[in-house]
Amino acid sequence: MTDEQIEKAAQLHADELRVSHSIPGALVPMLHDLAKSSYTYGAQDALSHQWVSVEERLPNEHEEVLTYSIVSECAEDEFAAAYYDGEDWYTLHGRHIRPNFWMPIPKLNSEKQSI
């Protein structure tokens, strides 16, 4: 899903909100914008935490990502922090790998987020 598709879905979500008649009219645009931005943030966050097949798409060159390699029936599958250099994949320690999937490294937020 692209950012453009997320924005369109967020707009539709916000437009479908049923606002109570007891809410002052001045608050309606603010609630609409809040619903839209919350939807957008949630969708982008969810998509950034999903595995992507290397056959579907590749990360930006030299972007550090998490990788998952299906090794074989005899060996254990492997997870690694790695990067793609435009031709091959390497762990951050320089070992050549052949992952099947990758995902962006989730951003850790040490601060509590308030709503």
N, C-alpha and C. Protein backbone atom coordinates (compact mmCIF):
# COMPACT_ATOMS: atom_id res chain seq x y z
N MET A 1 0.84 -1.17 0.00
CA MET A 1 0.00 0.00 0.00
C MET A 1 0.90 1.25 0.00
N THR A 2 0.63 2.14 -0.91
CA THR A 2 1.45 3.35 -1.03
C THR A 2 0.94 4.43 -0.07
N ASP A 3 1.76 5.47 0.14
CA ASP A 3 1.33 6.59 0.98
C ASP A 3 0.08 7.25 0.40
N GLU A 4 0.01 7.31 -0.91
CA GLU A 4 -1.16 7.90 -1.57
C GLU A 4 -2.43 7.09 -1.28
N GLN A 5 -2.31 5.77 -1.32
CA GLN A 5 -3.46 4.91 -1.01
C GLN A 5 -3.86 5.03 0.46
N ILE A 6 -2.88 5.16 1.34
CA ILE A 6 -3.17 5.34 2.77
C ILE A 6 -3.91 6.65 2.98
N GLU A 7 -3.44 7.72 2.34
CA GLU A 7 -4.09 9.02 2.48
C GLU A 7 -5.54 8.98 1.99
N LYS A 8 -5.78 8.30 0.87
CA LYS A 8 -7.13 8.19 0.33
C LYS A 8 -8.03 7.41 1.29
N ALA A 9 -7.51 6.29 1.82
CA ALA A 9 -8.28 5.48 2.77
C ALA A 9 -8.55 6.26 4.05
N ALA A 10 -7.57 7.04 4.50
CA ALA A 10 -7.75 7.85 5.71
C ALA A 10 -8.83 8.90 5.50
N GLN A 11 -8.85 9.51 4.32
CA GLN A 11 -9.87 10.51 4.00
C GLN A 11 -11.25 9.88 4.01
N LEU A 12 -11.38 8.70 3.39
CA LEU A 12 -12.67 8.00 3.38
C LEU A 12 -13.11 7.63 4.80
N HIS A 13 -12.16 7.16 5.61
CA HIS A 13 -12.45 6.80 6.99
C HIS A 13 -12.97 8.02 7.76
N ALA A 14 -12.29 9.14 7.63
CA ALA A 14 -12.69 10.35 8.34
C ALA A 14 -14.04 10.86 7.84
N ASP A 15 -14.29 10.76 6.53
CA ASP A 15 -15.56 11.21 5.97
C ASP A 15 -16.75 10.37 6.44
N GLU A 16 -16.49 9.10 6.79
CA GLU A 16 -17.56 8.20 7.22
C GLU A 16 -17.92 8.35 8.71
N LEU A 17 -17.16 9.16 9.42
CA LEU A 17 -17.45 9.34 10.85
C LEU A 17 -18.83 9.94 11.05
N ARG A 18 -19.51 9.42 12.00
CA ARG A 18 -20.82 9.97 12.37
C ARG A 18 -20.61 10.80 13.64
N VAL A 19 -20.67 12.10 13.50
CA VAL A 19 -20.44 12.99 14.63
C VAL A 19 -21.76 13.30 15.31
N SER A 20 -21.78 13.17 16.61
CA SER A 20 -22.98 13.42 17.40
C SER A 20 -23.44 14.87 17.22
N HIS A 21 -24.75 15.06 17.19
CA HIS A 21 -25.31 16.41 17.04
C HIS A 21 -25.06 17.26 18.28
N SER A 22 -24.67 16.63 19.38
CA SER A 22 -24.41 17.39 20.60
C SER A 22 -23.01 18.02 20.60
N ILE A 23 -22.18 17.69 19.62
CA ILE A 23 -20.84 18.27 19.55
C ILE A 23 -20.94 19.59 18.79
N PRO A 24 -20.36 20.66 19.35
CA PRO A 24 -20.40 21.95 18.67
C PRO A 24 -19.77 21.86 17.28
N GLY A 25 -20.37 22.56 16.33
CA GLY A 25 -19.92 22.51 14.93
C GLY A 25 -18.47 22.89 14.74
N ALA A 26 -17.94 23.74 15.59
CA ALA A 26 -16.55 24.16 15.45
C ALA A 26 -15.58 23.01 15.70
N LEU A 27 -16.00 21.99 16.46
CA LEU A 27 -15.12 20.87 16.76
C LEU A 27 -15.11 19.81 15.65
N VAL A 28 -16.10 19.83 14.78
CA VAL A 28 -16.22 18.80 13.75
C VAL A 28 -14.98 18.74 12.85
N PRO A 29 -14.48 19.86 12.30
CA PRO A 29 -13.27 19.77 11.46
C PRO A 29 -12.06 19.23 12.24
N MET A 30 -11.94 19.60 13.50
CA MET A 30 -10.82 19.11 14.31
C MET A 30 -10.93 17.60 14.50
N LEU A 31 -12.13 17.10 14.77
CA LEU A 31 -12.33 15.67 14.94
C LEU A 31 -12.07 14.93 13.62
N HIS A 32 -12.47 15.52 12.52
CA HIS A 32 -12.23 14.94 11.19
C HIS A 32 -10.73 14.81 10.95
N ASP A 33 -9.97 15.88 11.22
CA ASP A 33 -8.52 15.85 11.01
C ASP A 33 -7.84 14.86 11.95
N LEU A 34 -8.32 14.78 13.18
CA LEU A 34 -7.76 13.84 14.15
C LEU A 34 -7.98 12.40 13.69
N ALA A 35 -9.18 12.10 13.21
CA ALA A 35 -9.48 10.75 12.72
C ALA A 35 -8.60 10.41 11.52
N LYS A 36 -8.44 11.36 10.61
CA LYS A 36 -7.64 11.13 9.42
C LYS A 36 -6.17 10.89 9.78
N SER A 37 -5.61 11.73 10.64
CA SER A 37 -4.19 11.58 10.98
C SER A 37 -3.95 10.31 11.80
N SER A 38 -4.89 9.95 12.66
CA SER A 38 -4.75 8.72 13.45
C SER A 38 -4.77 7.50 12.54
N TYR A 39 -5.67 7.49 11.58
CA TYR A 39 -5.76 6.38 10.62
C TYR A 39 -4.45 6.28 9.83
N THR A 40 -3.96 7.40 9.34
CA THR A 40 -2.72 7.42 8.55
C THR A 40 -1.55 6.90 9.36
N TYR A 41 -1.39 7.39 10.58
CA TYR A 41 -0.30 6.96 11.45
C TYR A 41 -0.38 5.45 11.70
N GLY A 42 -1.56 4.97 12.03
CA GLY A 42 -1.74 3.54 12.32
C GLY A 42 -1.43 2.67 11.11
N ALA A 43 -1.88 3.07 9.94
CA ALA A 43 -1.63 2.29 8.72
C ALA A 43 -0.15 2.27 8.38
N GLN A 44 0.51 3.42 8.46
CA GLN A 44 1.94 3.47 8.16
C GLN A 44 2.74 2.65 9.16
N ASP A 45 2.36 2.71 10.42
CA ASP A 45 3.05 1.95 11.46
C ASP A 45 2.88 0.45 11.22
N ALA A 46 1.66 0.03 10.91
CA ALA A 46 1.41 -1.40 10.67
C ALA A 46 2.18 -1.90 9.45
N LEU A 47 2.18 -1.12 8.38
CA LEU A 47 2.89 -1.54 7.17
C LEU A 47 4.41 -1.58 7.36
N SER A 48 4.92 -0.74 8.25
CA SER A 48 6.37 -0.73 8.47
C SER A 48 6.85 -1.90 9.30
N HIS A 49 5.92 -2.70 9.82
CA HIS A 49 6.27 -3.85 10.64
C HIS A 49 5.86 -5.16 9.98
N GLN A 50 5.90 -5.21 8.68
CA GLN A 50 5.53 -6.43 7.96
C GLN A 50 6.72 -6.91 7.13
N TRP A 51 6.81 -8.23 7.00
CA TRP A 51 7.85 -8.82 6.18
C TRP A 51 7.52 -8.61 4.70
N VAL A 52 8.53 -8.30 3.92
CA VAL A 52 8.39 -8.07 2.49
C VAL A 52 9.24 -9.13 1.76
N SER A 53 8.68 -9.79 0.79
CA SER A 53 9.43 -10.77 0.00
C SER A 53 10.48 -10.04 -0.83
N VAL A 54 11.70 -10.60 -0.90
CA VAL A 54 12.73 -9.98 -1.74
C VAL A 54 12.37 -10.08 -3.22
N GLU A 55 11.45 -10.97 -3.56
CA GLU A 55 10.97 -11.07 -4.94
C GLU A 55 9.97 -9.96 -5.26
N GLU A 56 9.31 -9.44 -4.21
CA GLU A 56 8.32 -8.38 -4.40
C GLU A 56 8.99 -7.01 -4.53
N ARG A 57 9.90 -6.72 -3.61
CA ARG A 57 10.62 -5.45 -3.66
C ARG A 57 11.82 -5.51 -2.74
N LEU A 58 12.77 -4.61 -2.97
CA LEU A 58 14.00 -4.55 -2.19
C LEU A 58 14.08 -3.24 -1.42
N PRO A 59 14.81 -3.23 -0.31
CA PRO A 59 14.96 -1.97 0.42
C PRO A 59 15.89 -1.02 -0.34
N ASN A 60 15.97 0.20 0.13
CA ASN A 60 16.93 1.14 -0.45
C ASN A 60 18.35 0.59 -0.24
N GLU A 61 19.24 0.90 -1.16
CA GLU A 61 20.61 0.42 -1.02
C GLU A 61 21.22 0.92 0.28
N HIS A 62 21.88 0.02 0.99
CA HIS A 62 22.61 0.27 2.23
C HIS A 62 21.70 0.65 3.41
N GLU A 63 20.39 0.46 3.25
CA GLU A 63 19.46 0.67 4.37
C GLU A 63 19.54 -0.56 5.28
N GLU A 64 19.76 -0.35 6.56
CA GLU A 64 19.82 -1.46 7.49
C GLU A 64 18.41 -1.97 7.76
N VAL A 65 18.21 -3.28 7.57
CA VAL A 65 16.90 -3.91 7.72
C VAL A 65 17.05 -5.23 8.47
N LEU A 66 15.94 -5.80 8.88
CA LEU A 66 15.93 -7.15 9.43
C LEU A 66 15.66 -8.11 8.28
N THR A 67 16.35 -9.25 8.29
CA THR A 67 16.13 -10.23 7.23
C THR A 67 15.77 -11.58 7.82
N TYR A 68 15.07 -12.37 7.01
CA TYR A 68 14.68 -13.73 7.39
C TYR A 68 15.05 -14.63 6.22
N SER A 69 15.85 -15.65 6.50
CA SER A 69 16.28 -16.59 5.47
C SER A 69 15.76 -17.98 5.80
N ILE A 70 15.10 -18.58 4.83
CA ILE A 70 14.67 -19.97 4.96
C ILE A 70 15.87 -20.79 4.47
N VAL A 71 16.60 -21.38 5.39
CA VAL A 71 17.86 -22.03 5.05
C VAL A 71 17.64 -23.36 4.35
N SER A 72 17.13 -24.35 5.05
CA SER A 72 16.84 -25.66 4.46
C SER A 72 16.06 -26.48 5.48
N GLU A 73 15.63 -27.64 5.07
CA GLU A 73 14.89 -28.50 6.00
C GLU A 73 15.79 -29.00 7.12
N CYS A 74 17.10 -29.07 6.87
CA CYS A 74 18.05 -29.60 7.86
C CYS A 74 18.57 -28.53 8.81
N ALA A 75 18.62 -27.29 8.36
CA ALA A 75 19.18 -26.23 9.19
C ALA A 75 18.07 -25.29 9.68
N GLU A 76 18.38 -24.56 10.74
CA GLU A 76 17.41 -23.62 11.29
C GLU A 76 17.33 -22.37 10.41
N ASP A 77 16.14 -21.79 10.34
CA ASP A 77 15.98 -20.53 9.62
C ASP A 77 16.79 -19.47 10.34
N GLU A 78 17.09 -18.39 9.64
CA GLU A 78 18.01 -17.40 10.19
C GLU A 78 17.44 -15.99 10.08
N PHE A 79 17.57 -15.25 11.17
CA PHE A 79 17.23 -13.83 11.21
C PHE A 79 18.54 -13.05 11.32
N ALA A 80 18.63 -11.90 10.66
CA ALA A 80 19.85 -11.09 10.75
C ALA A 80 19.53 -9.63 10.47
N ALA A 81 20.32 -8.76 11.06
CA ALA A 81 20.32 -7.35 10.67
C ALA A 81 21.26 -7.29 9.48
N ALA A 82 20.81 -6.69 8.38
CA ALA A 82 21.59 -6.74 7.15
C ALA A 82 21.29 -5.52 6.27
N TYR A 83 21.96 -5.48 5.13
CA TYR A 83 21.70 -4.45 4.13
C TYR A 83 21.89 -5.04 2.74
N TYR A 84 21.27 -4.40 1.77
CA TYR A 84 21.38 -4.79 0.37
C TYR A 84 22.21 -3.72 -0.32
N ASP A 85 23.27 -4.11 -1.03
CA ASP A 85 24.17 -3.12 -1.64
C ASP A 85 23.83 -2.81 -3.10
N GLY A 86 22.71 -3.32 -3.58
CA GLY A 86 22.32 -3.12 -4.97
C GLY A 86 22.52 -4.37 -5.80
N GLU A 87 23.34 -5.30 -5.28
CA GLU A 87 23.57 -6.57 -5.97
C GLU A 87 23.46 -7.76 -5.02
N ASP A 88 24.02 -7.62 -3.81
CA ASP A 88 24.04 -8.72 -2.86
C ASP A 88 23.64 -8.23 -1.47
N TRP A 89 23.35 -9.21 -0.61
CA TRP A 89 22.96 -8.96 0.78
C TRP A 89 24.13 -9.30 1.70
N TYR A 90 24.31 -8.48 2.75
CA TYR A 90 25.36 -8.72 3.73
C TYR A 90 24.83 -8.41 5.13
N THR A 91 25.27 -9.23 6.09
CA THR A 91 24.95 -8.90 7.48
C THR A 91 25.76 -7.67 7.85
N LEU A 92 25.45 -7.07 8.98
CA LEU A 92 26.19 -5.90 9.41
C LEU A 92 27.62 -6.26 9.79
N HIS A 93 27.92 -7.57 9.90
CA HIS A 93 29.28 -8.04 10.18
C HIS A 93 30.00 -8.43 8.89
N GLY A 94 29.37 -8.22 7.73
CA GLY A 94 30.01 -8.46 6.45
C GLY A 94 29.83 -9.84 5.85
N ARG A 95 29.03 -10.71 6.49
CA ARG A 95 28.81 -12.06 5.96
C ARG A 95 27.75 -12.02 4.85
N HIS A 96 28.04 -12.67 3.72
CA HIS A 96 27.11 -12.72 2.59
C HIS A 96 25.92 -13.62 2.96
N ILE A 97 24.69 -13.18 2.69
CA ILE A 97 23.50 -13.98 2.97
C ILE A 97 22.55 -13.91 1.78
N ARG A 98 21.55 -14.79 1.80
CA ARG A 98 20.51 -14.80 0.76
C ARG A 98 19.15 -14.87 1.45
N PRO A 99 18.64 -13.72 1.91
CA PRO A 99 17.36 -13.74 2.62
C PRO A 99 16.18 -13.93 1.67
N ASN A 100 15.08 -14.42 2.25
CA ASN A 100 13.83 -14.55 1.51
C ASN A 100 12.91 -13.36 1.77
N PHE A 101 13.04 -12.77 2.97
CA PHE A 101 12.18 -11.67 3.38
C PHE A 101 13.00 -10.62 4.13
N TRP A 102 12.49 -9.40 4.15
CA TRP A 102 13.11 -8.31 4.91
C TRP A 102 12.01 -7.40 5.44
N MET A 103 12.36 -6.59 6.42
CA MET A 103 11.46 -5.56 6.93
C MET A 103 12.29 -4.43 7.52
N PRO A 104 11.74 -3.21 7.53
CA PRO A 104 12.46 -2.11 8.17
C PRO A 104 12.66 -2.43 9.65
N ILE A 105 13.74 -1.94 10.20
CA ILE A 105 13.97 -2.11 11.63
C ILE A 105 13.01 -1.17 12.34
N PRO A 106 12.15 -1.71 13.23
CA PRO A 106 11.19 -0.85 13.93
C PRO A 106 11.90 0.22 14.75
N LYS A 107 11.34 1.40 14.74
CA LYS A 107 11.89 2.49 15.53
C LYS A 107 11.42 2.33 16.97
N LEU A 108 12.35 2.38 17.88
CA LEU A 108 12.00 2.28 19.30
C LEU A 108 11.80 3.68 19.84
N ASN A 109 10.68 3.88 20.50
CA ASN A 109 10.38 5.19 21.08
C ASN A 109 10.39 5.03 22.58
N SER A 110 11.39 5.63 23.21
CA SER A 110 11.51 5.48 24.66
C SER A 110 10.57 6.40 25.41
N GLU A 111 10.03 7.39 24.72
CA GLU A 111 9.09 8.31 25.36
C GLU A 111 7.67 7.77 25.22
N LYS A 112 6.88 7.92 26.28
CA LYS A 112 5.48 7.53 26.20
C LYS A 112 4.75 8.55 25.34
N GLN A 113 3.93 8.03 24.46
CA GLN A 113 3.17 8.93 23.60
C GLN A 113 1.83 9.21 24.23
N SER A 114 1.47 10.47 24.24
CA SER A 114 0.17 10.85 24.78
C SER A 114 -0.83 11.05 23.66
N ILE A 115 -2.05 10.82 23.97
CA ILE A 115 -3.12 10.95 22.98
C ILE A 115 -3.78 12.30 23.13
